[in-house]
C-alpha atoms as a PDB file:
ATOM      1  CA  MET A   1      50.780  51.288  29.991  1.00  0.00           C
ATOM      2  CA  GLU A   2      47.551  51.964  27.972  1.00  0.00           C
ATOM      3  CA  LYS A   3      46.696  48.138  28.303  1.00  0.00           C
ATOM      4  CA  LYS A   4      46.815  48.368  31.898  1.00  0.00           C
ATOM      5  CA  LEU A   5      44.328  51.242  31.949  1.00  0.00           C
ATOM      6  CA  ASN A   6      41.662  49.583  30.035  1.00  0.00           C
ATOM      7  CA  ASN A   7      40.419  48.162  32.956  1.00  0.00           C
ATOM      8  CA  VAL A   8      39.690  51.399  34.774  1.00  0.00           C
ATOM      9  CA  TYR A   9      36.180  52.912  34.507  1.00  0.00           C
ATOM     10  CA  VAL A  10      35.199  56.494  35.597  1.00  0.00           C
ATOM     11  CA  VAL A  11      31.712  56.770  37.152  1.00  0.00           C
ATOM     12  CA  LEU A  12      29.729  59.909  37.448  1.00  0.00           C
ATOM     13  CA  ILE A  13      26.640  59.888  39.459  1.00  0.00           C
ATOM     14  CA  GLU A  14      23.910  62.395  38.324  1.00  0.00           C
ATOM     15  CA  PRO A  15      26.218  65.236  36.797  1.00  0.00           C
ATOM     16  CA  LYS A  16      24.169  68.213  36.667  1.00  0.00           C
ATOM     17  CA  ASN A  17      26.496  70.426  34.435  1.00  0.00           C
ATOM     18  CA  PRO A  18      27.440  69.691  30.981  1.00  0.00           C
ATOM     19  CA  GLY A  19      30.496  71.541  31.360  1.00  0.00           C
ATOM     20  CA  ASN A  20      31.640  69.669  34.066  1.00  0.00           C
ATOM     21  CA  ILE A  21      31.207  66.287  32.273  1.00  0.00           C
ATOM     22  CA  GLY A  22      33.331  67.878  29.344  1.00  0.00           C
ATOM     23  CA  ALA A  23      36.223  68.899  31.732  1.00  0.00           C
ATOM     24  CA  SER A  24      36.332  65.458  33.147  1.00  0.00           C
ATOM     25  CA  VAL A  25      36.631  63.737  29.883  1.00  0.00           C
ATOM     26  CA  ARG A  26      39.199  66.120  28.967  1.00  0.00           C
ATOM     27  CA  ALA A  27      41.128  65.102  32.374  1.00  0.00           C
ATOM     28  CA  MET A  28      40.479  61.209  31.462  1.00  0.00           C
ATOM     29  CA  LYS A  29      41.696  61.991  27.718  1.00  0.00           C
ATOM     30  CA  ASN A  30      45.143  63.425  29.213  1.00  0.00           C
ATOM     31  CA  MET A  31      45.528  60.619  31.873  1.00  0.00           C
ATOM     32  CA  GLY A  32      45.118  57.828  29.421  1.00  0.00           C
ATOM     33  CA  ILE A  33      41.583  56.422  30.571  1.00  0.00           C
ATOM     34  CA  SER A  34      38.840  56.320  28.218  1.00  0.00           C
ATOM     35  CA  ASN A  35      36.133  54.189  29.958  1.00  0.00           C
ATOM     36  CA  LEU A  36      33.246  56.643  31.159  1.00  0.00           C
ATOM     37  CA  ARG A  37      30.179  55.675  32.571  1.00  0.00           C
ATOM     38  CA  LEU A  38      27.416  57.997  33.910  1.00  0.00           C
ATOM     39  CA  VAL A  39      24.172  57.525  36.555  1.00  0.00           C
ATOM     40  CA  ARG A  40      21.185  59.643  35.278  1.00  0.00           C
ATOM     41  CA  PRO A  41      23.237  62.559  33.553  1.00  0.00           C
ATOM     42  CA  VAL A  42      22.073  65.842  32.626  1.00  0.00           C
ATOM     43  CA  ASP A  43      21.672  65.820  28.419  1.00  0.00           C
ATOM     44  CA  TYR A  44      25.099  66.380  27.487  1.00  0.00           C
ATOM     45  CA  ARG A  45      26.298  64.623  24.281  1.00  0.00           C
ATOM     46  CA  GLU A  46      25.646  67.371  22.138  1.00  0.00           C
ATOM     47  CA  ILE A  47      25.680  70.452  24.607  1.00  0.00           C
ATOM     48  CA  ILE A  48      28.193  72.964  23.125  1.00  0.00           C
ATOM     49  CA  GLU A  49      29.635  73.684  26.909  1.00  0.00           C
ATOM     50  CA  GLN A  50      30.208  69.907  26.961  1.00  0.00           C
ATOM     51  CA  LYS A  51      32.151  69.920  23.798  1.00  0.00           C
ATOM     52  CA  LYS A  52      33.790  73.149  24.744  1.00  0.00           C
ATOM     53  CA  MET A  53      35.290  71.845  28.021  1.00  0.00           C
ATOM     54  CA  GLY A  54      35.953  68.359  26.618  1.00  0.00           C
ATOM     55  CA  TYR A  55      37.794  69.580  23.462  1.00  0.00           C
ATOM     56  CA  ARG A  56      39.501  66.730  21.687  1.00  0.00           C
ATOM     57  CA  SER A  57      38.191  64.384  24.068  1.00  0.00           C
ATOM     58  CA  GLN A  58      34.976  63.826  22.183  1.00  0.00           C
ATOM     59  CA  GLU A  59      35.771  60.090  21.499  1.00  0.00           C
ATOM     60  CA  ILE A  60      35.404  59.041  25.112  1.00  0.00           C
ATOM     61  CA  ILE A  61      31.936  60.860  25.054  1.00  0.00           C
ATOM     62  CA  LYS A  62      30.754  58.544  21.918  1.00  0.00           C
ATOM     63  CA  LYS A  63      31.364  55.662  23.720  1.00  0.00           C
ATOM     64  CA  SER A  64      30.074  56.568  27.080  1.00  0.00           C
ATOM     65  CA  GLN A  65      27.468  54.262  29.008  1.00  0.00           C
ATOM     66  CA  GLU A  66      24.266  55.891  30.773  1.00  0.00           C
ATOM     67  CA  PHE A  67      22.622  53.674  33.624  1.00  0.00           C
ATOM     68  CA  ASP A  68      19.646  54.174  35.652  1.00  0.00           C
ATOM     69  CA  SER A  69      21.156  53.269  39.126  1.00  0.00           C
ATOM     70  CA  LEU A  70      24.830  53.381  40.631  1.00  0.00           C
ATOM     71  CA  SER A  71      24.278  49.519  41.220  1.00  0.00           C
ATOM     72  CA  ASN A  72      23.695  48.581  37.658  1.00  0.00           C
ATOM     73  CA  ALA A  73      26.650  50.900  36.328  1.00  0.00           C
ATOM     74  CA  LEU A  74      28.777  48.773  38.716  1.00  0.00           C
ATOM     75  CA  SER A  75      27.044  45.322  37.982  1.00  0.00           C
ATOM     76  CA  ASP A  76      30.109  43.951  36.043  1.00  0.00           C
ATOM     77  CA  ILE A  77      32.696  45.777  38.190  1.00  0.00           C
ATOM     78  CA  SER A  78      35.035  43.927  40.660  1.00  0.00           C
ATOM     79  CA  LEU A  79      36.866  46.676  42.692  1.00  0.00           C
ATOM     80  CA  VAL A  80      35.186  50.193  43.219  1.00  0.00           C
ATOM     81  CA  PHE A  81      36.602  53.345  44.835  1.00  0.00           C
ATOM     82  CA  LEU A  82      34.683  56.248  45.806  1.00  0.00           C
ATOM     83  CA  ALA A  83      35.891  59.407  45.870  1.00  0.00           C
ATOM     84  CA  THR A  84      34.143  61.932  48.605  1.00  0.00           C
ATOM     85  CA  GLN A  85      35.011  64.958  50.890  1.00  0.00           C
ATOM     86  CA  LYS A  86      32.106  63.977  53.357  1.00  0.00           C
ATOM     87  CA  LYS A  87      32.883  62.173  56.585  1.00  0.00           C
ATOM     88  CA  GLY A  88      30.299  60.410  58.568  1.00  0.00           C
ATOM     89  CA  LYS A  89      29.198  57.538  60.261  1.00  0.00           C
ATOM     90  CA  TRP A  90      29.036  55.324  57.170  1.00  0.00           C
ATOM     91  CA  LYS A  91      32.006  56.656  55.506  1.00  0.00           C
ATOM     92  CA  LYS A  92      35.451  56.050  57.553  1.00  0.00           C
ATOM     93  CA  ASN A  93      38.979  54.598  56.673  1.00  0.00           C
ATOM     94  CA  PHE A  94      39.998  56.939  54.100  1.00  0.00           C
ATOM     95  CA  ILE A  95      42.765  56.559  51.892  1.00  0.00           C
ATOM     96  CA  THR A  96      44.538  59.011  49.644  1.00  0.00           C
ATOM     97  CA  PRO A  97      44.565  59.259  45.799  1.00  0.00           C
ATOM     98  CA  GLU A  98      48.525  58.346  45.935  1.00  0.00           C
ATOM     99  CA  GLN A  99      47.342  54.657  48.313  1.00  0.00           C
ATOM    100  CA  ALA A 100      44.378  54.347  45.836  1.00  0.00           C
ATOM    101  CA  ALA A 101      46.709  54.158  42.766  1.00  0.00           C
ATOM    102  CA  GLU A 102      48.868  51.586  44.197  1.00  0.00           C
ATOM    103  CA  LEU A 103      45.738  49.348  45.072  1.00  0.00           C
ATOM    104  CA  ILE A 104      44.729  49.711  41.550  1.00  0.00           C
ATOM    105  CA  LEU A 105      47.781  49.272  40.070  1.00  0.00           C
ATOM    106  CA  SER A 106      47.978  45.936  41.967  1.00  0.00           C
ATOM    107  CA  ARG A 107      44.686  44.680  40.531  1.00  0.00           C
ATOM    108  CA  ILE A 108      44.476  46.480  37.078  1.00  0.00           C
ATOM    109  CA  LEU A 109      45.617  43.232  35.049  1.00  0.00           C
ATOM    110  CA  LYS A 110      42.485  41.317  36.412  1.00  0.00           C
ATOM    111  CA  GLU A 111      39.764  43.130  37.398  1.00  0.00           C
ATOM    112  CA  LYS A 112      37.451  46.048  35.942  1.00  0.00           C
ATOM    113  CA  ILE A 113      37.949  48.820  38.534  1.00  0.00           C
ATOM    114  CA  ALA A 114      35.625  51.874  38.878  1.00  0.00           C
ATOM    115  CA  ILE A 115      36.303  55.290  40.312  1.00  0.00           C
ATOM    116  CA  VAL A 116      33.214  56.913  41.357  1.00  0.00           C
ATOM    117  CA  PHE A 117      32.435  60.434  41.643  1.00  0.00           C
ATOM    118  CA  GLY A 118      29.391  61.841  43.458  1.00  0.00           C
ATOM    119  CA  ARG A 119      26.718  64.837  42.676  1.00  0.00           C
ATOM    120  CA  GLU A 120      28.500  68.079  42.625  1.00  0.00           C
ATOM    121  CA  ASP A 121      26.024  69.269  45.277  1.00  0.00           C
ATOM    122  CA  SER A 122      25.333  66.359  47.647  1.00  0.00           C
ATOM    123  CA  GLY A 123      27.563  63.847  47.052  1.00  0.00           C
ATOM    124  CA  VAL A 124      26.515  59.999  47.268  1.00  0.00           C
ATOM    125  CA  THR A 125      23.755  58.349  49.652  1.00  0.00           C
ATOM    126  CA  ILE A 126      24.465  55.780  52.157  1.00  0.00           C
ATOM    127  CA  ASP A 127      23.440  52.991  50.146  1.00  0.00           C
ATOM    128  CA  GLU A 128      25.587  54.118  47.373  1.00  0.00           C
ATOM    129  CA  SER A 129      28.670  54.737  49.647  1.00  0.00           C
ATOM    130  CA  GLN A 130      28.309  51.069  50.654  1.00  0.00           C
ATOM    131  CA  LEU A 131      29.011  49.434  47.361  1.00  0.00           C
ATOM    132  CA  ALA A 132      32.446  51.020  47.536  1.00  0.00           C
ATOM    133  CA  ASN A 133      35.471  48.978  48.619  1.00  0.00           C
ATOM    134  CA  TYR A 134      37.514  52.076  49.331  1.00  0.00           C
ATOM    135  CA  LEU A 135      36.869  55.573  50.067  1.00  0.00           C
ATOM    136  CA  ILE A 136      39.155  58.110  48.662  1.00  0.00           C
ATOM    137  CA  TYR A 137      39.697  61.486  50.434  1.00  0.00           C
ATOM    138  CA  ILE A 138      41.927  64.235  48.613  1.00  0.00           C
ATOM    139  CA  PRO A 139      43.883  66.302  51.439  1.00  0.00           C
ATOM    140  CA  SER A 140      43.559  69.904  51.174  1.00  0.00           C
ATOM    141  CA  ALA A 141      44.795  73.193  52.818  1.00  0.00           C
ATOM    142  CA  VAL A 142      41.344  74.118  53.789  1.00  0.00           C
ATOM    143  CA  THR A 143      39.055  72.832  56.511  1.00  0.00           C
ATOM    144  CA  TYR A 144      36.276  72.230  54.334  1.00  0.00           C
ATOM    145  CA  PRO A 145      37.671  71.405  50.830  1.00  0.00           C
ATOM    146  CA  SER A 146      35.489  71.837  48.000  1.00  0.00           C
ATOM    147  CA  LEU A 147      36.945  70.612  44.564  1.00  0.00           C
ATOM    148  CA  ASN A 148      35.214  70.694  41.214  1.00  0.00           C
ATOM    149  CA  LEU A 149      34.269  67.749  40.032  1.00  0.00           C
ATOM    150  CA  SER A 150      36.952  67.959  36.789  1.00  0.00           C
ATOM    151  CA  GLN A 151      39.587  68.759  39.307  1.00  0.00           C
ATOM    152  CA  ALA A 152      39.001  65.712  41.644  1.00  0.00           C
ATOM    153  CA  VAL A 153      38.919  63.307  38.506  1.00  0.00           C
ATOM    154  CA  LEU A 154      42.366  64.783  37.567  1.00  0.00           C
ATOM    155  CA  VAL A 155      43.949  64.575  41.009  1.00  0.00           C
ATOM    156  CA  ILE A 156      42.939  61.017  41.408  1.00  0.00           C
ATOM    157  CA  LEU A 157      43.672  59.991  37.570  1.00  0.00           C
ATOM    158  CA  TYR A 158      46.941  61.444  37.806  1.00  0.00           C
ATOM    159  CA  GLU A 159      48.215  59.428  40.601  1.00  0.00           C
ATOM    160  CA  ILE A 160      46.902  56.067  38.948  1.00  0.00           C
ATOM    161  CA  TYR A 161      48.662  57.385  35.507  1.00  0.00           C
ATOM    162  CA  LYS A 162      51.814  58.272  37.170  1.00  0.00           C
ATOM    163  CA  LEU A 163      52.301  54.937  38.894  1.00  0.00           C
ATOM    164  CA  SER A 164      51.309  53.064  35.695  1.00  0.00           C
ATOM    165  CA  THR A 165      54.378  54.267  34.135  1.00  0.00           C
ATOM    166  CA  ASP A 166      56.679  52.982  36.711  1.00  0.00           C
ATOM    167  CA  ASN A 167      57.992  49.899  35.574  1.00  0.00           C
ATOM    168  CA  LYS A 168      57.729  47.811  39.020  1.00  0.00           C
ATOM    169  CA  LYS A 169      56.472  44.449  39.145  1.00  0.00           C
ATOM    170  CA  ILE A 170      52.653  44.424  39.706  1.00  0.00           C
ATOM    171  CA  ALA A 171      51.575  41.505  42.465  1.00  0.00           C
ATOM    172  CA  ASP A 172      49.445  38.874  41.227  1.00  0.00           C
ATOM    173  CA  PHE A 173      46.247  38.574  43.066  1.00  0.00           C
ATOM    174  CA  PRO A 174      43.107  36.534  42.565  1.00  0.00           C
ATOM    175  CA  LYS A 175      40.561  37.778  40.115  1.00  0.00           C
ATOM    176  CA  MET A 176      37.685  38.932  42.663  1.00  0.00           C
ATOM    177  CA  ALA A 177      33.724  38.433  41.827  1.00  0.00           C
ATOM    178  CA  THR A 178      32.043  41.072  40.694  1.00  0.00           C
ATOM    179  CA  LYS A 179      29.749  43.495  42.488  1.00  0.00           C
ATOM    180  CA  GLN A 180      26.710  41.923  41.217  1.00  0.00           C
ATOM    181  CA  LYS A 181      27.708  38.674  42.550  1.00  0.00           C
ATOM    182  CA  PHE A 182      28.324  40.591  45.869  1.00  0.00           C
ATOM    183  CA  GLU A 183      25.031  41.846  46.093  1.00  0.00           C
ATOM    184  CA  ARG A 184      23.470  38.334  45.502  1.00  0.00           C
ATOM    185  CA  VAL A 185      25.130  36.981  48.377  1.00  0.00           C
ATOM    186  CA  THR A 186      24.491  39.635  50.661  1.00  0.00           C
ATOM    187  CA  SER A 187      20.767  39.471  49.793  1.00  0.00           C
ATOM    188  CA  ASN A 188      20.682  35.547  50.442  1.00  0.00           C
ATOM    189  CA  ILE A 189      22.729  36.029  54.060  1.00  0.00           C
ATOM    190  CA  TRP A 190      19.960  38.992  54.687  1.00  0.00           C
ATOM    191  CA  SER A 191      16.926  36.553  53.405  1.00  0.00           C
ATOM    192  CA  LEU A 192      18.268  33.998  55.610  1.00  0.00           C
ATOM    193  CA  MET A 193      18.863  36.212  58.679  1.00  0.00           C
ATOM    194  CA  LYS A 194      15.162  37.359  58.050  1.00  0.00           C
ATOM    195  CA  SER A 195      13.773  33.714  58.128  1.00  0.00           C
ATOM    196  CA  LEU A 196      15.539  33.249  61.656  1.00  0.00           C
ATOM    197  CA  GLU A 197      13.160  36.102  62.557  1.00  0.00           C
ATOM    198  CA  ILE A 198      16.263  38.486  63.183  1.00  0.00           C
ATOM    199  CA  ARG A 199      14.842  41.646  65.078  1.00  0.00           C
ATOM    200  CA  GLU A 200      16.160  44.024  62.268  1.00  0.00           C
ATOM    201  CA  GLU A 201      14.777  46.245  59.757  1.00  0.00           C
ATOM    202  CA  ASN A 202      15.603  46.344  56.033  1.00  0.00           C
ATOM    203  CA  ASN A 203      18.262  49.018  55.687  1.00  0.00           C
ATOM    204  CA  GLY A 204      18.354  49.316  59.532  1.00  0.00           C
ATOM    205  CA  LEU A 205      21.778  49.426  61.398  1.00  0.00           C
ATOM    206  CA  PHE A 206      22.681  45.837  61.007  1.00  0.00           C
ATOM    207  CA  HIS A 207      21.767  45.672  57.766  1.00  0.00           C
ATOM    208  CA  ARG A 208      23.298  48.504  56.428  1.00  0.00           C
ATOM    209  CA  SER A 209      26.581  47.320  58.253  1.00  0.00           C
ATOM    210  CA  LEU A 210      26.256  43.839  56.364  1.00  0.00           C
ATOM    211  CA  LYS A 211      26.125  45.544  53.219  1.00  0.00           C
ATOM    212  CA  ARG A 212      29.145  47.759  54.011  1.00  0.00           C
ATOM    213  CA  ALA A 213      31.089  44.585  55.284  1.00  0.00           C
ATOM    214  CA  MET A 214      30.417  42.357  52.013  1.00  0.00           C
ATOM    215  CA  GLY A 215      31.251  45.475  49.906  1.00  0.00           C
ATOM    216  CA  ARG A 216      34.613  45.880  51.248  1.00  0.00           C
ATOM    217  CA  THR A 217      35.930  42.389  50.892  1.00  0.00           C
ATOM    218  CA  SER A 218      38.006  41.137  48.270  1.00  0.00           C
ATOM    219  CA  TRP A 219      36.498  37.825  47.851  1.00  0.00           C
ATOM    220  CA  THR A 220      36.428  35.325  44.740  1.00  0.00           C
ATOM    221  CA  ASN A 221      33.849  33.585  42.773  1.00  0.00           C
ATOM    222  CA  ALA A 222      34.921  30.575  44.861  1.00  0.00           C
ATOM    223  CA  ASP A 223      34.744  32.346  48.024  1.00  0.00           C
ATOM    224  CA  LEU A 224      31.135  33.454  47.283  1.00  0.00           C
ATOM    225  CA  ALA A 225      30.404  30.006  46.271  1.00  0.00           C
ATOM    226  CA  VAL A 226      31.113  28.945  49.823  1.00  0.00           C
ATOM    227  CA  ILE A 227      29.101  31.518  51.474  1.00  0.00           C
ATOM    228  CA  ASP A 228      26.341  30.634  49.217  1.00  0.00           C
ATOM    229  CA  ARG A 229      26.534  27.007  50.077  1.00  0.00           C
ATOM    230  CA  ALA A 230      26.658  27.689  53.573  1.00  0.00           C
ATOM    231  CA  CYS A 231      23.290  29.872  53.278  1.00  0.00           C
ATOM    232  CA  LYS A 232      21.629  27.156  51.288  1.00  0.00           C
ATOM    233  CA  GLN A 233      22.519  24.519  53.926  1.00  0.00           C
ATOM    234  CA  VAL A 234      21.230  26.312  56.852  1.00  0.00           C
ATOM    235  CA  ARG A 235      17.916  27.424  54.898  1.00  0.00           C
ATOM    236  CA  TRP A 236      17.696  23.535  54.014  1.00  0.00           C
ATOM    237  CA  TYR A 237      17.876  22.558  57.683  1.00  0.00           C
ATOM    238  CA  ILE A 238      15.559  25.008  59.009  1.00  0.00           C
ATOM    239  CA  GLU A 239      13.272  23.871  56.342  1.00  0.00           C
ATOM    240  CA  ASN A 240      13.369  20.186  56.961  1.00  0.00           C
ATOM    241  CA  ARG A 241      13.356  20.676  60.852  1.00  0.00           C
ATOM    242  CA  ALA A 242      10.021  22.412  60.407  1.00  0.00           C
ATOM    243  CA  ASN A 243       9.008  19.765  58.599  1.00  0.00           C
ATOM    244  CA  GLY A 244       9.702  17.052  61.145  1.00  0.00           C
ATOM    245  CA  GLU A 245       7.989  19.201  63.961  1.00  0.00           C
ATOM    246  CA  GLU A 246       4.894  19.280  61.803  1.00  0.00           C
ATOM    247  CA  ARG A 247       5.329  15.344  61.237  1.00  0.00           C
ATOM    248  CA  GLY A 248       5.768  14.661  65.000  1.00  0.00           C
END
């Protein structure tokens, strides 16, 4: 079971309260998950409040990693789950923590999997949400739920831990490409479309839709190589046609 969970990474975006970080790592320790990544966090490693809330969990703090952006924190990750209570135009098709656990356990032997938690006060940006393959919504008895960061971490990790102790056979899926490779191919597609003089702004409706669509696929390195080759072939044709017209 522990070996299964080694591929799960908890990612916290700009946590502002050292106590929340400590309480989150305590939840991680209890659920058997030890990989923590933080994006532009508040000072926390030697803060008393963090150590108090993260009692007997400081080994997770010692090996935690810090990044300057969510994109960099996810560069070597294949599958991304984002926990959010806020719905909107770019946040649709939510799954429950239980459904997320089933998807995670089906991929856990081959993939690095990240569970991302947004800022305590403002959640995540649109661009950050588009890095996720799946959005997790925690059901609540109230109309406008507001869970503490560590509570959200505990609820989701509990479902993963619970399912990881089940002896059911895990499906064998092909290994997915990393987020870094998805971003590169998405950039190549967008660059090609701009060369075709598409009338769309950077980060406009279509560009965001493209990033969202690419971010939700389960493609392998071989799949992305096919898309990459197609982009290169179209670009070659455009450049050579232009050169031919100039000679003509």
